[in-house]
């Protein structure tokens, strides 16, 4: 299942990330454990995000009696409901960044995984593993948050590429090349 990770708080809080997990609780445990030092699990909430448009930013409004995931935008660390008039002037720039991030994501997928899948070097299971492993970074990338995508990519592999990663086609060389592609995109 896809799980939205939300830091508990007051009012409207943005989804930290979406991730594949067997349960909401497991997603929170995995998310907190990946940080150095590990985050406290009681400070985070996991909610079923299956069927959500992962190209959209989402938030959770703790001030509502029955909170639900809602479309939001974050501006200068403040979260607004997407329907709010005060964000209308910045929407064109956000949409442009999202398009660019989505294009960069597709180029990375085609370059490092697509061609290798077509020639039989990677199986469907290998591709699924790699996509799942990269999901926290790709969620940011396809939303146009390229700097955050690079940060999450580095956090995902803080201990380095594992043997399981390598067995599934994600080598240190590919990791370094993806980080370089994102760095090149960020360098004007």
Protein backbone atom coordinates (compact mmCIF):
# COMPACT_ATOMS: atom_id res chain seq x y z
CA UNK A 1 0.00 0.00 0.00
CA UNK A 2 1.00 3.63 -0.43
CA UNK A 3 1.18 5.46 2.91
CA UNK A 4 1.26 9.21 3.56
CA UNK A 5 3.62 10.18 6.39
CA UNK A 6 2.49 13.25 8.35
CA UNK A 7 4.20 14.94 11.31
CA UNK A 8 1.63 15.38 14.07
CA UNK A 9 0.86 18.95 14.96
CA UNK A 10 -1.84 21.59 14.99
CA UNK A 11 -3.77 22.84 12.00
CA UNK A 12 -2.87 21.95 8.43
CA UNK A 13 0.33 19.88 8.19
CA UNK A 14 1.97 18.83 4.89
CA UNK A 15 2.57 15.19 4.02
CA UNK A 16 6.28 14.53 4.56
CA UNK A 17 6.33 11.80 1.92
CA UNK A 18 4.47 8.88 0.41
CA UNK A 19 6.05 5.44 0.64
CA UNK A 20 5.31 1.80 -0.14
CA UNK A 21 4.72 -0.31 2.98
CA UNK A 22 2.74 -3.29 4.20
CA UNK A 23 0.92 -1.12 6.76
CA UNK A 24 0.60 2.46 7.96
CA UNK A 25 2.51 1.60 11.15
CA UNK A 26 5.37 -0.02 9.21
CA UNK A 27 5.66 3.03 6.96
CA UNK A 28 6.04 5.32 9.99
CA UNK A 29 8.59 2.98 11.59
CA UNK A 30 10.66 2.82 8.40
CA UNK A 31 10.46 6.58 7.83
CA UNK A 32 11.60 7.41 11.37
CA UNK A 33 14.40 4.81 11.31
CA UNK A 34 15.93 6.21 8.09
CA UNK A 35 16.83 9.50 9.77
CA UNK A 36 20.00 10.14 11.72
CA UNK A 37 19.33 10.31 14.59
CA UNK A 38 16.10 8.31 14.22
CA UNK A 39 12.89 10.31 14.59
CA UNK A 40 10.36 9.53 17.32
CA UNK A 41 7.52 7.46 15.87
CA UNK A 42 4.92 9.03 18.16
CA UNK A 43 5.53 12.34 16.37
CA UNK A 44 4.34 10.92 13.02
CA UNK A 45 1.14 9.59 11.58
CA UNK A 46 0.72 7.18 8.67
CA UNK A 47 -2.45 7.31 6.53
CA UNK A 48 -3.53 5.20 3.57
CA UNK A 49 -2.64 7.08 0.40
CA UNK A 50 -3.62 4.46 -2.17
CA UNK A 51 -5.32 6.12 -5.10
CA UNK A 52 -3.88 9.57 -4.34
CA UNK A 53 -2.43 11.67 -7.15
CA UNK A 54 1.24 11.57 -6.13
CA UNK A 55 2.05 14.53 -8.35
CA UNK A 56 -0.11 16.68 -6.06
CA UNK A 57 1.01 18.01 -2.66
CA UNK A 58 -1.15 16.83 0.24
CA UNK A 59 -1.76 17.85 3.83
CA UNK A 60 -3.63 16.69 6.91
CA UNK A 61 -5.75 19.19 8.87
CA UNK A 62 -5.53 18.28 12.56
CA UNK A 63 -8.02 21.05 13.44
CA UNK A 64 -10.91 19.20 11.78
CA UNK A 65 -13.05 16.74 13.76
CA UNK A 66 -12.57 14.13 11.01
CA UNK A 67 -9.28 14.95 9.25
CA UNK A 68 -8.63 13.79 5.69
CA UNK A 69 -5.86 14.23 3.15
CA UNK A 70 -6.35 17.50 1.26
CA UNK A 71 -4.61 19.09 -1.70
CA UNK A 72 -2.24 21.79 -0.41
CA UNK A 73 0.66 23.98 -1.42
CA UNK A 74 3.56 25.02 0.82
CA UNK A 75 4.85 28.57 0.45
CA UNK A 76 7.68 29.82 2.65
CA UNK A 77 7.06 26.96 5.10
CA UNK A 78 3.36 27.83 5.41
CA UNK A 79 0.79 25.33 4.16
CA UNK A 80 -2.31 26.51 2.30
CA UNK A 81 -5.30 24.62 0.98
CA UNK A 82 -5.01 24.52 -2.79
CA UNK A 83 -8.32 26.34 -3.15
CA UNK A 84 -7.00 29.37 -1.21
CA UNK A 85 -6.99 32.65 -3.18
CA UNK A 86 -3.78 33.91 -1.57
CA UNK A 87 -1.72 31.33 -3.45
CA UNK A 88 -3.07 32.04 -6.94
CA UNK A 89 -0.15 34.31 -7.98
CA UNK A 90 2.48 31.60 -7.35
CA UNK A 91 0.68 28.71 -9.03
CA UNK A 92 2.20 29.24 -12.51
CA UNK A 93 5.74 28.96 -11.10
CA UNK A 94 4.85 25.86 -9.08
CA UNK A 95 3.28 24.22 -12.12
CA UNK A 96 6.38 25.00 -14.20
CA UNK A 97 8.68 23.47 -11.56
CA UNK A 98 6.46 20.40 -11.39
CA UNK A 99 6.63 19.94 -15.20
CA UNK A 100 10.42 20.28 -15.15
CA UNK A 101 10.76 17.83 -12.24
CA UNK A 102 8.47 15.35 -13.99
CA UNK A 103 10.55 15.59 -17.18
CA UNK A 104 13.77 15.10 -15.19
CA UNK A 105 12.23 12.08 -13.42
CA UNK A 106 11.24 10.50 -16.75
CA UNK A 107 14.71 11.11 -18.20
CA UNK A 108 16.34 9.44 -15.19
CA UNK A 109 13.98 6.45 -15.32
CA UNK A 110 14.49 5.98 -19.07
CA UNK A 111 18.26 6.44 -18.89
CA UNK A 112 19.05 4.16 -15.94
CA UNK A 113 16.21 1.65 -15.87
CA UNK A 114 14.06 1.75 -19.01
CA UNK A 115 16.68 0.76 -21.55
CA UNK A 116 18.05 -1.94 -19.25
CA UNK A 117 14.54 -3.32 -18.84
CA UNK A 118 13.94 -3.37 -22.60
CA UNK A 119 17.14 -5.32 -23.25
CA UNK A 120 16.28 -7.86 -20.52
CA UNK A 121 19.01 -6.84 -18.08
CA UNK A 122 16.39 -5.89 -15.46
CA UNK A 123 13.24 -7.84 -14.65
CA UNK A 124 9.88 -6.38 -13.67
CA UNK A 125 10.70 -7.27 -10.06
CA UNK A 126 14.03 -5.41 -10.32
CA UNK A 127 12.25 -2.33 -11.69
CA UNK A 128 9.59 -2.54 -8.96
CA UNK A 129 12.31 -2.78 -6.30
CA UNK A 130 14.20 0.23 -7.68
CA UNK A 131 11.04 2.35 -8.01
CA UNK A 132 9.99 1.45 -4.46
CA UNK A 133 13.44 2.22 -3.09
CA UNK A 134 13.51 5.60 -4.83
CA UNK A 135 9.88 6.55 -4.11
CA UNK A 136 10.54 9.18 -1.37
CA UNK A 137 12.92 11.03 -3.68
CA UNK A 138 10.81 10.60 -6.81
CA UNK A 139 7.71 11.93 -5.04
CA UNK A 140 9.57 15.20 -4.50
CA UNK A 141 11.06 15.20 -7.98
CA UNK A 142 7.78 14.79 -9.85
CA UNK A 143 6.30 17.61 -7.77
CA UNK A 144 9.10 19.89 -8.90
CA UNK A 145 10.90 19.98 -5.55
CA UNK A 146 14.28 19.08 -7.03
CA UNK A 147 16.46 20.23 -4.11
CA UNK A 148 14.34 18.22 -1.69
CA UNK A 149 14.49 15.22 -4.04
CA UNK A 150 18.28 15.35 -3.97
CA UNK A 151 18.24 15.65 -0.17
CA UNK A 152 15.91 12.65 0.18
CA UNK A 153 17.96 10.63 -2.30
CA UNK A 154 21.06 11.22 -0.20
CA UNK A 155 19.15 10.31 2.99
CA UNK A 156 17.89 7.09 1.41
CA UNK A 157 21.44 5.93 0.76
CA UNK A 158 23.22 7.48 3.75
CA UNK A 159 24.71 4.07 4.54
CA UNK A 160 25.53 3.47 0.89
CA UNK A 161 24.13 1.21 -1.77
CA UNK A 162 23.35 -2.23 -0.33
CA UNK A 163 23.98 -5.61 -1.88
CA UNK A 164 20.20 -5.97 -2.34
CA UNK A 165 20.21 -2.67 -4.27
CA UNK A 166 23.01 -3.95 -6.49
CA UNK A 167 21.27 -7.31 -7.02
CA UNK A 168 18.22 -5.39 -8.24
CA UNK A 169 20.17 -3.18 -10.65
CA UNK A 170 20.77 -0.06 -8.53
CA UNK A 171 24.55 0.27 -8.30
CA UNK A 172 26.69 2.95 -6.66
CA UNK A 173 27.61 4.13 -10.16
CA UNK A 174 23.93 4.61 -11.06
CA UNK A 175 23.25 6.34 -7.73
CA UNK A 176 26.15 8.75 -8.28
CA UNK A 177 25.01 9.42 -11.85
CA UNK A 178 21.42 10.20 -10.73
CA UNK A 179 22.71 12.56 -8.02
CA UNK A 180 24.91 14.22 -10.67
CA UNK A 181 21.96 14.57 -13.07
CA UNK A 182 19.95 16.32 -10.36
CA UNK A 183 22.95 18.48 -9.42
CA UNK A 184 23.38 19.46 -13.08
CA UNK A 185 19.71 20.39 -13.25
CA UNK A 186 20.07 22.60 -10.17
CA UNK A 187 23.19 24.34 -11.51
CA UNK A 188 22.13 27.29 -13.69
